[in-house]
Amino acid sequence: MKIEKSHGLRSERPKAINSIDTTKLLSREVLNLLAQTCHNTWLRQREKDKGVSVAQGPEEVSNDDRKRVNAAIRAIVEGHPKTRQDVVALVAKSSLDPNPNHHDIERAEDLVKELEGAGVISYK
């Protein structure tokens, strides 16, 4: 899968993964954080695409948000990514849609940033 620079990835040397803390990855706290991030990304995308204000969107995380997060986590655990770009690609491909699009890549970037912030992924 080709992920272009316009989707927020840098053209510099990929960050090599040192470790992925699967205990943190599977914690309820991280799962809830990722589901909320997934939902917030959808609200932002809907506002941009359809002009519907984020404030008008549902506040609660949906079952689809949770399904996307579960699929993303499964892809990370089973995919054994070596770089940050690998993680983003795996998460984007794990979307509920069989063919990832720019929304899936944007959501993947947002989820990976949250995993980094939560200390789940560390780099060499």
PDB file of N, CA and C in Angstrom:
ATOM      1  N   MET A   1       0.838  -1.172   0.000  1.00  0.00           N
ATOM      2  CA  MET A   1       0.000   0.000   0.000  1.00  0.00           C
ATOM      3  C   MET A   1       0.877   1.227   0.000  1.00  0.00           C
ATOM      4  N   LYS A   2       0.589   2.136  -0.887  1.00  0.00           N
ATOM      5  CA  LYS A   2       1.373   3.350  -0.986  1.00  0.00           C
ATOM      6  C   LYS A   2       0.700   4.446  -0.161  1.00  0.00           C
ATOM      7  N   ILE A   3       1.433   5.008   0.765  1.00  0.00           N
ATOM      8  CA  ILE A   3       0.920   6.105   1.564  1.00  0.00           C
ATOM      9  C   ILE A   3       1.716   7.338   1.178  1.00  0.00           C
ATOM     10  N   GLU A   4       1.012   8.320   0.668  1.00  0.00           N
ATOM     11  CA  GLU A   4       1.677   9.499   0.130  1.00  0.00           C
ATOM     12  C   GLU A   4       1.993  10.519   1.208  1.00  0.00           C
ATOM     13  N   LYS A   5       2.942  11.371   0.899  1.00  0.00           N
ATOM     14  CA  LYS A   5       3.384  12.410   1.814  1.00  0.00           C
ATOM     15  C   LYS A   5       2.244  13.337   2.212  1.00  0.00           C
ATOM     16  N   SER A   6       1.284  13.554   1.325  1.00  0.00           N
ATOM     17  CA  SER A   6       0.191  14.474   1.605  1.00  0.00           C
ATOM     18  C   SER A   6      -0.684  14.013   2.771  1.00  0.00           C
ATOM     19  N   HIS A   7      -0.527  12.776   3.205  1.00  0.00           N
ATOM     20  CA  HIS A   7      -1.317  12.264   4.319  1.00  0.00           C
ATOM     21  C   HIS A   7      -0.569  12.360   5.646  1.00  0.00           C
ATOM     22  N   GLY A   8       0.445  13.178   5.692  1.00  0.00           N
ATOM     23  CA  GLY A   8       1.111  13.433   6.951  1.00  0.00           C
ATOM     24  C   GLY A   8       2.359  12.621   7.208  1.00  0.00           C
ATOM     25  N   LEU A   9       2.716  11.725   6.331  1.00  0.00           N
ATOM     26  CA  LEU A   9       3.937  10.957   6.535  1.00  0.00           C
ATOM     27  C   LEU A   9       5.121  11.707   5.944  1.00  0.00           C
ATOM     28  N   ARG A  10       6.198  11.663   6.626  1.00  0.00           N
ATOM     29  CA  ARG A  10       7.399  12.345   6.143  1.00  0.00           C
ATOM     30  C   ARG A  10       8.169  11.428   5.206  1.00  0.00           C
ATOM     31  N   SER A  11       8.936  12.062   4.325  1.00  0.00           N
ATOM     32  CA  SER A  11       9.729  11.266   3.392  1.00  0.00           C
ATOM     33  C   SER A  11      11.076  10.871   3.987  1.00  0.00           C
ATOM     34  N   GLU A  12      11.340  11.297   5.212  1.00  0.00           N
ATOM     35  CA  GLU A  12      12.614  10.954   5.850  1.00  0.00           C
ATOM     36  C   GLU A  12      12.656   9.477   6.223  1.00  0.00           C
ATOM     37  N   ARG A  13      13.792   9.044   6.676  1.00  0.00           N
ATOM     38  CA  ARG A  13      14.003   7.649   7.061  1.00  0.00           C
ATOM     39  C   ARG A  13      12.937   7.196   8.071  1.00  0.00           C
ATOM     40  N   PRO A  14      12.327   6.035   7.836  1.00  0.00           N
ATOM     41  CA  PRO A  14      11.273   5.557   8.734  1.00  0.00           C
ATOM     42  C   PRO A  14      11.800   5.319  10.143  1.00  0.00           C
ATOM     43  N   LYS A  15      10.962   5.654  11.144  1.00  0.00           N
ATOM     44  CA  LYS A  15      11.320   5.397  12.532  1.00  0.00           C
ATOM     45  C   LYS A  15      11.227   3.896  12.793  1.00  0.00           C
ATOM     46  N   ALA A  16      12.328   3.322  13.248  1.00  0.00           N
ATOM     47  CA  ALA A  16      12.340   1.896  13.575  1.00  0.00           C
ATOM     48  C   ALA A  16      11.724   1.689  14.960  1.00  0.00           C
ATOM     49  N   ILE A  17      10.876   0.707  15.058  1.00  0.00           N
ATOM     50  CA  ILE A  17      10.206   0.415  16.327  1.00  0.00           C
ATOM     51  C   ILE A  17      11.162  -0.324  17.251  1.00  0.00           C
ATOM     52  N   ASN A  18      11.231   0.145  18.479  1.00  0.00           N
ATOM     53  CA  ASN A  18      11.992  -0.534  19.512  1.00  0.00           C
ATOM     54  C   ASN A  18      11.107  -1.589  20.165  1.00  0.00           C
ATOM     55  N   SER A  19       9.892  -1.171  20.568  1.00  0.00           N
ATOM     56  CA  SER A  19       8.981  -2.131  21.184  1.00  0.00           C
ATOM     57  C   SER A  19       7.542  -1.630  21.110  1.00  0.00           C
ATOM     58  N   ILE A  20       6.632  -2.589  21.218  1.00  0.00           N
ATOM     59  CA  ILE A  20       5.203  -2.307  21.336  1.00  0.00           C
ATOM     60  C   ILE A  20       4.759  -2.995  22.617  1.00  0.00           C
ATOM     61  N   ASP A  21       4.293  -2.210  23.564  1.00  0.00           N
ATOM     62  CA  ASP A  21       3.864  -2.728  24.859  1.00  0.00           C
ATOM     63  C   ASP A  21       2.442  -3.285  24.710  1.00  0.00           C
ATOM     64  N   THR A  22       2.338  -4.591  24.511  1.00  0.00           N
ATOM     65  CA  THR A  22       1.021  -5.189  24.265  1.00  0.00           C
ATOM     66  C   THR A  22       0.130  -5.158  25.511  1.00  0.00           C
ATOM     67  N   THR A  23       0.729  -5.128  26.688  1.00  0.00           N
ATOM     68  CA  THR A  23      -0.079  -5.019  27.902  1.00  0.00           C
ATOM     69  C   THR A  23      -0.815  -3.684  27.906  1.00  0.00           C
ATOM     70  N   LYS A  24      -0.099  -2.599  27.610  1.00  0.00           N
ATOM     71  CA  LYS A  24      -0.742  -1.287  27.514  1.00  0.00           C
ATOM     72  C   LYS A  24      -1.707  -1.246  26.343  1.00  0.00           C
ATOM     73  N   LEU A  25      -1.292  -1.824  25.210  1.00  0.00           N
ATOM     74  CA  LEU A  25      -2.113  -1.808  23.998  1.00  0.00           C
ATOM     75  C   LEU A  25      -3.487  -2.417  24.257  1.00  0.00           C
ATOM     76  N   LEU A  26      -3.533  -3.461  25.055  1.00  0.00           N
ATOM     77  CA  LEU A  26      -4.779  -4.169  25.311  1.00  0.00           C
ATOM     78  C   LEU A  26      -5.518  -3.682  26.554  1.00  0.00           C
ATOM     79  N   SER A  27      -4.989  -2.644  27.208  1.00  0.00           N
ATOM     80  CA  SER A  27      -5.643  -2.134  28.419  1.00  0.00           C
ATOM     81  C   SER A  27      -6.944  -1.415  28.064  1.00  0.00           C
ATOM     82  N   ARG A  28      -7.879  -1.472  28.974  1.00  0.00           N
ATOM     83  CA  ARG A  28      -9.178  -0.808  28.774  1.00  0.00           C
ATOM     84  C   ARG A  28      -8.990   0.689  28.538  1.00  0.00           C
ATOM     85  N   GLU A  29      -8.054   1.287  29.257  1.00  0.00           N
ATOM     86  CA  GLU A  29      -7.801   2.721  29.118  1.00  0.00           C
ATOM     87  C   GLU A  29      -7.379   3.077  27.687  1.00  0.00           C
ATOM     88  N   VAL A  30      -6.455   2.317  27.136  1.00  0.00           N
ATOM     89  CA  VAL A  30      -5.981   2.583  25.768  1.00  0.00           C
ATOM     90  C   VAL A  30      -7.075   2.256  24.753  1.00  0.00           C
ATOM     91  N   LEU A  31      -7.800   1.176  24.952  1.00  0.00           N
ATOM     92  CA  LEU A  31      -8.895   0.835  24.041  1.00  0.00           C
ATOM     93  C   LEU A  31      -9.929   1.958  23.992  1.00  0.00           C
ATOM     94  N   ASN A  32     -10.298   2.497  25.155  1.00  0.00           N
ATOM     95  CA  ASN A  32     -11.261   3.599  25.202  1.00  0.00           C
ATOM     96  C   ASN A  32     -10.704   4.859  24.548  1.00  0.00           C
ATOM     97  N   LEU A  33      -9.432   5.143  24.795  1.00  0.00           N
ATOM     98  CA  LEU A  33      -8.778   6.302  24.183  1.00  0.00           C
ATOM     99  C   LEU A  33      -8.789   6.184  22.656  1.00  0.00           C
ATOM    100  N   LEU A  34      -8.460   5.000  22.154  1.00  0.00           N
ATOM    101  CA  LEU A  34      -8.431   4.788  20.712  1.00  0.00           C
ATOM    102  C   LEU A  34      -9.832   4.865  20.102  1.00  0.00           C
ATOM    103  N   ALA A  35     -10.830   4.335  20.789  1.00  0.00           N
ATOM    104  CA  ALA A  35     -12.199   4.409  20.284  1.00  0.00           C
ATOM    105  C   ALA A  35     -12.658   5.869  20.212  1.00  0.00           C
ATOM    106  N   GLN A  36     -12.333   6.649  21.227  1.00  0.00           N
ATOM    107  CA  GLN A  36     -12.700   8.070  21.215  1.00  0.00           C
ATOM    108  C   GLN A  36     -11.956   8.807  20.103  1.00  0.00           C
ATOM    109  N   THR A  37     -10.687   8.474  19.907  1.00  0.00           N
ATOM    110  CA  THR A  37      -9.901   9.091  18.833  1.00  0.00           C
ATOM    111  C   THR A  37     -10.499   8.749  17.474  1.00  0.00           C
ATOM    112  N   CYS A  38     -10.870   7.500  17.291  1.00  0.00           N
ATOM    113  CA  CYS A  38     -11.492   7.053  16.048  1.00  0.00           C
ATOM    114  C   CYS A  38     -12.780   7.848  15.798  1.00  0.00           C
ATOM    115  N   HIS A  39     -13.579   8.002  16.825  1.00  0.00           N
ATOM    116  CA  HIS A  39     -14.840   8.746  16.725  1.00  0.00           C
ATOM    117  C   HIS A  39     -14.578  10.215  16.391  1.00  0.00           C
ATOM    118  N   ASN A  40     -13.615  10.816  17.068  1.00  0.00           N
ATOM    119  CA  ASN A  40     -13.294  12.230  16.820  1.00  0.00           C
ATOM    120  C   ASN A  40     -12.794  12.446  15.395  1.00  0.00           C
ATOM    121  N   THR A  41     -12.021  11.497  14.894  1.00  0.00           N
ATOM    122  CA  THR A  41     -11.535  11.584  13.513  1.00  0.00           C
ATOM    123  C   THR A  41     -12.720  11.542  12.551  1.00  0.00           C
ATOM    124  N   TRP A  42     -13.667  10.642  12.789  1.00  0.00           N
ATOM    125  CA  TRP A  42     -14.855  10.550  11.942  1.00  0.00           C
ATOM    126  C   TRP A  42     -15.644  11.859  11.967  1.00  0.00           C
ATOM    127  N   LEU A  43     -15.831  12.434  13.159  1.00  0.00           N
ATOM    128  CA  LEU A  43     -16.554  13.709  13.263  1.00  0.00           C
ATOM    129  C   LEU A  43     -15.854  14.800  12.457  1.00  0.00           C
ATOM    130  N   ARG A  44     -14.545  14.866  12.577  1.00  0.00           N
ATOM    131  CA  ARG A  44     -13.755  15.876  11.844  1.00  0.00           C
ATOM    132  C   ARG A  44     -13.855  15.646  10.332  1.00  0.00           C
ATOM    133  N   GLN A  45     -13.779  14.408   9.911  1.00  0.00           N
ATOM    134  CA  GLN A  45     -13.882  14.088   8.485  1.00  0.00           C
ATOM    135  C   GLN A  45     -15.274  14.423   7.949  1.00  0.00           C
ATOM    136  N   ARG A  46     -16.293  14.135   8.724  1.00  0.00           N
ATOM    137  CA  ARG A  46     -17.666  14.429   8.309  1.00  0.00           C
ATOM    138  C   ARG A  46     -17.871  15.933   8.175  1.00  0.00           C
ATOM    139  N   GLU A  47     -17.290  16.677   9.099  1.00  0.00           N
ATOM    140  CA  GLU A  47     -17.397  18.141   9.017  1.00  0.00           C
ATOM    141  C   GLU A  47     -16.728  18.643   7.741  1.00  0.00           C
ATOM    142  N   LYS A  48     -15.548  18.136   7.458  1.00  0.00           N
ATOM    143  CA  LYS A  48     -14.801  18.563   6.278  1.00  0.00           C
ATOM    144  C   LYS A  48     -15.507  18.145   4.988  1.00  0.00           C
ATOM    145  N   ASP A  49     -16.013  16.928   4.942  1.00  0.00           N
ATOM    146  CA  ASP A  49     -16.623  16.388   3.724  1.00  0.00           C
ATOM    147  C   ASP A  49     -18.056  16.861   3.490  1.00  0.00           C
ATOM    148  N   LYS A  50     -18.825  16.959   4.566  1.00  0.00           N
ATOM    149  CA  LYS A  50     -20.261  17.224   4.415  1.00  0.00           C
ATOM    150  C   LYS A  50     -20.713  18.536   5.030  1.00  0.00           C
ATOM    151  N   GLY A  51     -19.791  19.228   5.712  1.00  0.00           N
ATOM    152  CA  GLY A  51     -20.145  20.508   6.311  1.00  0.00           C
ATOM    153  C   GLY A  51     -20.990  20.399   7.571  1.00  0.00           C
ATOM    154  N   VAL A  52     -21.054  19.207   8.158  1.00  0.00           N
ATOM    155  CA  VAL A  52     -21.808  19.018   9.390  1.00  0.00           C
ATOM    156  C   VAL A  52     -20.890  19.327  10.569  1.00  0.00           C
ATOM    157  N   SER A  53     -21.265  20.286  11.366  1.00  0.00           N
ATOM    158  CA  SER A  53     -20.447  20.712  12.499  1.00  0.00           C
ATOM    159  C   SER A  53     -20.167  19.547  13.449  1.00  0.00           C
ATOM    160  N   VAL A  54     -18.949  19.535  13.979  1.00  0.00           N
ATOM    161  CA  VAL A  54     -18.578  18.522  14.970  1.00  0.00           C
ATOM    162  C   VAL A  54     -19.544  18.574  16.151  1.00  0.00           C
ATOM    163  N   ALA A  55     -19.980  19.782  16.514  1.00  0.00           N
ATOM    164  CA  ALA A  55     -20.902  19.957  17.639  1.00  0.00           C
ATOM    165  C   ALA A  55     -22.253  19.289  17.378  1.00  0.00           C
ATOM    166  N   GLN A  56     -22.607  19.070  16.114  1.00  0.00           N
ATOM    167  CA  GLN A  56     -23.879  18.435  15.769  1.00  0.00           C
ATOM    168  C   GLN A  56     -23.778  16.914  15.733  1.00  0.00           C
ATOM    169  N   GLY A  57     -22.593  16.407  15.857  1.00  0.00           N
ATOM    170  CA  GLY A  57     -22.396  14.960  15.760  1.00  0.00           C
ATOM    171  C   GLY A  57     -22.713  14.259  17.059  1.00  0.00           C
ATOM    172  N   PRO A  58     -22.898  12.958  16.990  1.00  0.00           N
ATOM    173  CA  PRO A  58     -23.112  12.196  18.224  1.00  0.00           C
ATOM    174  C   PRO A  58     -21.845  12.224  19.084  1.00  0.00           C
ATOM    175  N   GLU A  59     -22.041  12.399  20.374  1.00  0.00           N
ATOM    176  CA  GLU A  59     -20.890  12.470  21.285  1.00  0.00           C
ATOM    177  C   GLU A  59     -20.354  11.095  21.649  1.00  0.00           C
ATOM    178  N   GLU A  60     -21.200  10.102  21.591  1.00  0.00           N
ATOM    179  CA  GLU A  60     -20.810   8.775  22.054  1.00  0.00           C
ATOM    180  C   GLU A  60     -20.102   7.973  20.969  1.00  0.00           C
ATOM    181  N   VAL A  61     -19.138   7.210  21.404  1.00  0.00           N
ATOM    182  CA  VAL A  61     -18.402   6.301  20.536  1.00  0.00           C
ATOM    183  C   VAL A  61     -19.369   5.235  20.026  1.00  0.00           C
ATOM    184  N   SER A  62     -19.255   4.900  18.753  1.00  0.00           N
ATOM    185  CA  SER A  62     -20.161   3.914  18.151  1.00  0.00           C
ATOM    186  C   SER A  62     -19.544   2.511  18.162  1.00  0.00           C
ATOM    187  N   ASN A  63     -20.374   1.536  17.865  1.00  0.00           N
ATOM    188  CA  ASN A  63     -19.877   0.163  17.730  1.00  0.00           C
ATOM    189  C   ASN A  63     -18.883   0.065  16.582  1.00  0.00           C
ATOM    190  N   ASP A  64     -19.102   0.820  15.494  1.00  0.00           N
ATOM    191  CA  ASP A  64     -18.146   0.822  14.382  1.00  0.00           C
ATOM    192  C   ASP A  64     -16.790   1.355  14.823  1.00  0.00           C
ATOM    193  N   ASP A  65     -16.778   2.381  15.690  1.00  0.00           N
ATOM    194  CA  ASP A  65     -15.507   2.899  16.217  1.00  0.00           C
ATOM    195  C   ASP A  65     -14.775   1.789  16.968  1.00  0.00           C
ATOM    196  N   ARG A  66     -15.493   1.077  17.807  1.00  0.00           N
ATOM    197  CA  ARG A  66     -14.887  -0.009  18.583  1.00  0.00           C
ATOM    198  C   ARG A  66     -14.403  -1.148  17.677  1.00  0.00           C
ATOM    199  N   LYS A  67     -15.185  -1.472  16.642  1.00  0.00           N
ATOM    200  CA  LYS A  67     -14.775  -2.512  15.694  1.00  0.00           C
ATOM    201  C   LYS A  67     -13.500  -2.110  14.970  1.00  0.00           C
ATOM    202  N   ARG A  68     -13.411  -0.841  14.578  1.00  0.00           N
ATOM    203  CA  ARG A  68     -12.203  -0.360  13.894  1.00  0.00           C
ATOM    204  C   ARG A  68     -10.986  -0.463  14.814  1.00  0.00           C
ATOM    205  N   VAL A  69     -11.162  -0.104  16.069  1.00  0.00           N
ATOM    206  CA  VAL A  69     -10.063  -0.173  17.032  1.00  0.00           C
ATOM    207  C   VAL A  69      -9.641  -1.623  17.250  1.00  0.00           C
ATOM    208  N   ASN A  70     -10.594  -2.513  17.422  1.00  0.00           N
ATOM    209  CA  ASN A  70     -10.259  -3.933  17.612  1.00  0.00           C
ATOM    210  C   ASN A  70      -9.523  -4.490  16.402  1.00  0.00           C
ATOM    211  N   ALA A  71      -9.973  -4.128  15.208  1.00  0.00           N
ATOM    212  CA  ALA A  71      -9.298  -4.592  13.986  1.00  0.00           C
ATOM    213  C   ALA A  71      -7.892  -4.010  13.896  1.00  0.00           C
ATOM    214  N   ALA A  72      -7.726  -2.744  14.283  1.00  0.00           N
ATOM    215  CA  ALA A  72      -6.408  -2.102  14.240  1.00  0.00           C
ATOM    216  C   ALA A  72      -5.447  -2.777  15.213  1.00  0.00           C
ATOM    217  N   ILE A  73      -5.914  -3.049  16.408  1.00  0.00           N
ATOM    218  CA  ILE A  73      -5.064  -3.702  17.407  1.00  0.00           C
ATOM    219  C   ILE A  73      -4.667  -5.101  16.949  1.00  0.00           C
ATOM    220  N   ARG A  74      -5.621  -5.835  16.417  1.00  0.00           N
ATOM    221  CA  ARG A  74      -5.319  -7.176  15.900  1.00  0.00           C
ATOM    222  C   ARG A  74      -4.268  -7.090  14.794  1.00  0.00           C
ATOM    223  N   ALA A  75      -4.408  -6.101  13.909  1.00  0.00           N
ATOM    224  CA  ALA A  75      -3.442  -5.940  12.808  1.00  0.00           C
ATOM    225  C   ALA A  75      -2.044  -5.628  13.339  1.00  0.00           C
ATOM    226  N   ILE A  76      -1.965  -4.800  14.370  1.00  0.00           N
ATOM    227  CA  ILE A  76      -0.661  -4.454  14.948  1.00  0.00           C
ATOM    228  C   ILE A  76      -0.021  -5.681  15.598  1.00  0.00           C
ATOM    229  N   VAL A  77      -0.792  -6.387  16.402  1.00  0.00           N
ATOM    230  CA  VAL A  77      -0.261  -7.556  17.127  1.00  0.00           C
ATOM    231  C   VAL A  77       0.159  -8.655  16.157  1.00  0.00           C
ATOM    232  N   GLU A  78      -0.675  -8.918  15.153  1.00  0.00           N
ATOM    233  CA  GLU A  78      -0.384  -9.999  14.218  1.00  0.00           C
ATOM    234  C   GLU A  78       0.596  -9.593  13.119  1.00  0.00           C
ATOM    235  N   GLY A  79       0.702  -8.296  12.837  1.00  0.00           N
ATOM    236  CA  GLY A  79       1.513  -7.832  11.718  1.00  0.00           C
ATOM    237  C   GLY A  79       2.989  -7.655  12.005  1.00  0.00           C
ATOM    238  N   HIS A  80       3.371  -7.588  13.270  1.00  0.00           N
ATOM    239  CA  HIS A  80       4.770  -7.415  13.666  1.00  0.00           C
ATOM    240  C   HIS A  80       5.452  -6.280  12.885  1.00  0.00           C
ATOM    241  N   PRO A  81       4.921  -5.061  12.986  1.00  0.00           N
ATOM    242  CA  PRO A  81       5.509  -3.947  12.226  1.00  0.00           C
ATOM    243  C   PRO A  81       6.925  -3.627  12.690  1.00  0.00           C
ATOM    244  N   LYS A  82       7.732  -3.190  11.740  1.00  0.00           N
ATOM    245  CA  LYS A  82       9.133  -2.854  12.029  1.00  0.00           C
ATOM    246  C   LYS A  82       9.351  -1.339  12.116  1.00  0.00           C
ATOM    247  N   THR A  83       8.463  -0.561  11.471  1.00  0.00           N
ATOM    248  CA  THR A  83       8.608   0.899  11.462  1.00  0.00           C
ATOM    249  C   THR A  83       7.262   1.552  11.738  1.00  0.00           C
ATOM    250  N   ARG A  84       7.312   2.862  11.999  1.00  0.00           N
ATOM    251  CA  ARG A  84       6.084   3.634  12.203  1.00  0.00           C
ATOM    252  C   ARG A  84       5.205   3.543  10.964  1.00  0.00           C
ATOM    253  N   GLN A  85       5.808   3.644   9.798  1.00  0.00           N
ATOM    254  CA  GLN A  85       5.041   3.562   8.557  1.00  0.00           C
ATOM    255  C   GLN A  85       4.342   2.208   8.425  1.00  0.00           C
ATOM    256  N   ASP A  86       4.985   1.156   8.882  1.00  0.00           N
ATOM    257  CA  ASP A  86       4.359  -0.168   8.872  1.00  0.00           C
ATOM    258  C   ASP A  86       3.106  -0.176   9.742  1.00  0.00           C
ATOM    259  N   VAL A  87       3.200   0.453  10.917  1.00  0.00           N
ATOM    260  CA  VAL A  87       2.050   0.496  11.828  1.00  0.00           C
ATOM    261  C   VAL A  87       0.898   1.249  11.164  1.00  0.00           C
ATOM    262  N   VAL A  88       1.193   2.421  10.592  1.00  0.00           N
ATOM    263  CA  VAL A  88       0.148   3.206   9.937  1.00  0.00           C
ATOM    264  C   VAL A  88      -0.497   2.411   8.807  1.00  0.00           C
ATOM    265  N   ALA A  89       0.322   1.750   7.998  1.00  0.00           N
ATOM    266  CA  ALA A  89      -0.209   0.963   6.876  1.00  0.00           C
ATOM    267  C   ALA A  89      -1.082  -0.192   7.375  1.00  0.00           C
ATOM    268  N   LEU A  90      -0.634  -0.894   8.406  1.00  0.00           N
ATOM    269  CA  LEU A  90      -1.418  -2.002   8.958  1.00  0.00           C
ATOM    270  C   LEU A  90      -2.755  -1.525   9.498  1.00  0.00           C
ATOM    271  N   VAL A  91      -2.726  -0.415  10.224  1.00  0.00           N
ATOM    272  CA  VAL A  91      -3.963   0.118  10.803  1.00  0.00           C
ATOM    273  C   VAL A  91      -4.901   0.596   9.697  1.00  0.00           C
ATOM    274  N   ALA A  92      -4.371   1.271   8.690  1.00  0.00           N
ATOM    275  CA  ALA A  92      -5.212   1.742   7.580  1.00  0.00           C
ATOM    276  C   ALA A  92      -5.849   0.562   6.838  1.00  0.00           C
ATOM    277  N   LYS A  93      -5.085  -0.493   6.630  1.00  0.00           N
ATOM    278  CA  LYS A  93      -5.597  -1.672   5.924  1.00  0.00           C
ATOM    279  C   LYS A  93      -6.618  -2.440   6.762  1.00  0.00           C
ATOM    280  N   SER A  94      -6.592  -2.251   8.071  1.00  0.00           N
ATOM    281  CA  SER A  94      -7.496  -2.992   8.946  1.00  0.00           C
ATOM    282  C   SER A  94      -8.890  -2.371   8.986  1.00  0.00           C
ATOM    283  N   SER A  95      -9.087  -1.304   8.252  1.00  0.00           N
ATOM    284  CA  SER A  95     -10.361  -0.598   8.215  1.00  0.00           C
ATOM    285  C   SER A  95     -11.510  -1.544   7.894  1.00  0.00           C
ATOM    286  N   LEU A  96     -12.730  -1.117   8.209  1.00  0.00           N
ATOM    287  CA  LEU A  96     -13.904  -1.922   7.884  1.00  0.00           C
ATOM    288  C   LEU A  96     -14.128  -1.979   6.374  1.00  0.00           C
ATOM    289  N   ASP A  97     -13.538  -1.035   5.664  1.00  0.00           N
ATOM    290  CA  ASP A  97     -13.614  -1.001   4.211  1.00  0.00           C
ATOM    291  C   ASP A  97     -12.424  -1.799   3.677  1.00  0.00           C
ATOM    292  N   PRO A  98     -12.634  -2.745   2.770  1.00  0.00           N
ATOM    293  CA  PRO A  98     -11.523  -3.584   2.299  1.00  0.00           C
ATOM    294  C   PRO A  98     -10.443  -2.818   1.524  1.00  0.00           C
ATOM    295  N   ASN A  99     -10.764  -1.657   0.990  1.00  0.00           N
ATOM    296  CA  ASN A  99      -9.793  -0.846   0.248  1.00  0.00           C
ATOM    297  C   ASN A  99      -9.568   0.473   0.981  1.00  0.00           C
ATOM    298  N   PRO A 100      -8.470   0.611   1.715  1.00  0.00           N
ATOM    299  CA  PRO A 100      -8.244   1.831   2.498  1.00  0.00           C
ATOM    300  C   PRO A 100      -8.198   3.068   1.613  1.00  0.00           C
ATOM    301  N   ASN A 101      -8.809   4.137   2.110  1.00  0.00           N
ATOM    302  CA  ASN A 101      -8.794   5.411   1.404  1.00  0.00           C
ATOM    303  C   ASN A 101      -8.149   6.474   2.287  1.00  0.00           C
ATOM    304  N   HIS A 102      -8.213   7.734   1.859  1.00  0.00           N
ATOM    305  CA  HIS A 102      -7.550   8.796   2.625  1.00  0.00           C
ATOM    306  C   HIS A 102      -8.130   8.942   4.030  1.00  0.00           C
ATOM    307  N   HIS A 103      -9.415   8.636   4.219  1.00  0.00           N
ATOM    308  CA  HIS A 103      -9.989   8.684   5.565  1.00  0.00           C
ATOM    309  C   HIS A 103      -9.374   7.612   6.461  1.00  0.00           C
ATOM    310  N   ASP A 104      -9.179   6.432   5.907  1.00  0.00           N
ATOM    311  CA  ASP A 104      -8.574   5.339   6.683  1.00  0.00           C
ATOM    312  C   ASP A 104      -7.138   5.674   7.082  1.00  0.00           C
ATOM    313  N   ILE A 105      -6.420   6.299   6.174  1.00  0.00           N
ATOM    314  CA  ILE A 105      -5.029   6.679   6.457  1.00  0.00           C
ATOM    315  C   ILE A 105      -4.984   7.779   7.510  1.00  0.00           C
ATOM    316  N   GLU A 106      -5.880   8.746   7.401  1.00  0.00           N
ATOM    317  CA  GLU A 106      -5.948   9.816   8.408  1.00  0.00           C
ATOM    318  C   GLU A 106      -6.283   9.238   9.783  1.00  0.00           C
ATOM    319  N   ARG A 107      -7.250   8.322   9.833  1.00  0.00           N
ATOM    320  CA  ARG A 107      -7.620   7.682  11.097  1.00  0.00           C
ATOM    321  C   ARG A 107      -6.437   6.891  11.653  1.00  0.00           C
ATOM    322  N   ALA A 108      -5.728   6.183  10.780  1.00  0.00           N
ATOM    323  CA  ALA A 108      -4.563   5.406  11.210  1.00  0.00           C
ATOM    324  C   ALA A 108      -3.505   6.316  11.819  1.00  0.00           C
ATOM    325  N   GLU A 109      -3.239   7.440  11.182  1.00  0.00           N
ATOM    326  CA  GLU A 109      -2.262   8.407  11.717  1.00  0.00           C
ATOM    327  C   GLU A 109      -2.688   8.882  13.103  1.00  0.00           C
ATOM    328  N   ASP A 110      -3.976   9.213  13.246  1.00  0.00           N
ATOM    329  CA  ASP A 110      -4.470   9.683  14.545  1.00  0.00           C
ATOM    330  C   ASP A 110      -4.318   8.606  15.614  1.00  0.00           C
ATOM    331  N   LEU A 111      -4.637   7.365  15.272  1.00  0.00           N
ATOM    332  CA  LEU A 111      -4.525   6.276  16.246  1.00  0.00           C
ATOM    333  C   LEU A 111      -3.072   6.016  16.631  1.00  0.00           C
ATOM    334  N   VAL A 112      -2.177   6.056  15.655  1.00  0.00           N
ATOM    335  CA  VAL A 112      -0.754   5.834  15.949  1.00  0.00           C
ATOM    336  C   VAL A 112      -0.211   6.950  16.846  1.00  0.00           C
ATOM    337  N   LYS A 113      -0.617   8.183  16.602  1.00  0.00           N
ATOM    338  CA  LYS A 113      -0.187   9.291  17.478  1.00  0.00           C
ATOM    339  C   LYS A 113      -0.638   9.055  18.912  1.00  0.00           C
ATOM    340  N   GLU A 114      -1.858   8.561  19.085  1.00  0.00           N
ATOM    341  CA  GLU A 114      -2.350   8.269  20.434  1.00  0.00           C
ATOM    342  C   GLU A 114      -1.554   7.136  21.079  1.00  0.00           C
ATOM    343  N   LEU A 115      -1.223   6.112  20.294  1.00  0.00           N
ATOM    344  CA  LEU A 115      -0.422   5.002  20.824  1.00  0.00           C
ATOM    345  C   LEU A 115       0.960   5.487  21.242  1.00  0.00           C
ATOM    346  N   GLU A 116       1.528   6.386  20.471  1.00  0.00           N
ATOM    347  CA  GLU A 116       2.833   6.954  20.826  1.00  0.00           C
ATOM    348  C   GLU A 116       2.721   7.774  22.109  1.00  0.00           C
ATOM    349  N   GLY A 117       1.686   8.612  22.181  1.00  0.00           N
ATOM    350  CA  GLY A 117       1.484   9.458  23.371  1.00  0.00           C
ATOM    351  C   GLY A 117       1.233   8.656  24.630  1.00  0.00           C
ATOM    352  N   ALA A 118       0.594   7.491  24.477  1.00  0.00           N
ATOM    353  CA  ALA A 118       0.294   6.632  25.630  1.00  0.00           C
ATOM    354  C   ALA A 118       1.475   5.737  26.012  1.00  0.00           C
ATOM    355  N   GLY A 119       2.576   5.841  25.263  1.00  0.00           N
ATOM    356  CA  GLY A 119       3.753   5.043  25.570  1.00  0.00           C
ATOM    357  C   GLY A 119       3.645   3.588  25.131  1.00  0.00           C
ATOM    358  N   VAL A 120       2.719   3.297  24.221  1.00  0.00           N
ATOM    359  CA  VAL A 120       2.552   1.924  23.745  1.00  0.00           C
ATOM    360  C   VAL A 120       3.643   1.563  22.755  1.00  0.00           C
ATOM    361  N   ILE A 121       3.998   2.517  21.900  1.00  0.00           N
ATOM    362  CA  ILE A 121       5.028   2.283  20.880  1.00  0.00           C
ATOM    363  C   ILE A 121       6.247   3.121  21.238  1.00  0.00           C
ATOM    364  N   SER A 122       7.418   2.490  21.233  1.00  0.00           N
ATOM    365  CA  SER A 122       8.665   3.242  21.422  1.00  0.00           C
ATOM    366  C   SER A 122       9.577   2.983  20.235  1.00  0.00           C
ATOM    367  N   TYR A 123      10.429   3.936  19.958  1.00  0.00           N
ATOM    368  CA  TYR A 123      11.299   3.869  18.788  1.00  0.00           C
ATOM    369  C   TYR A 123      12.763   3.808  19.185  1.00  0.00           C
ATOM    370  N   LYS A 124      13.577   3.280  18.276  1.00  0.00           N
ATOM    371  CA  LYS A 124      15.025   3.176  18.494  1.00  0.00           C
ATOM    372  C   LYS A 124      15.653   4.525  18.321  1.00  0.00           C
TER     373      LYS A 124
END
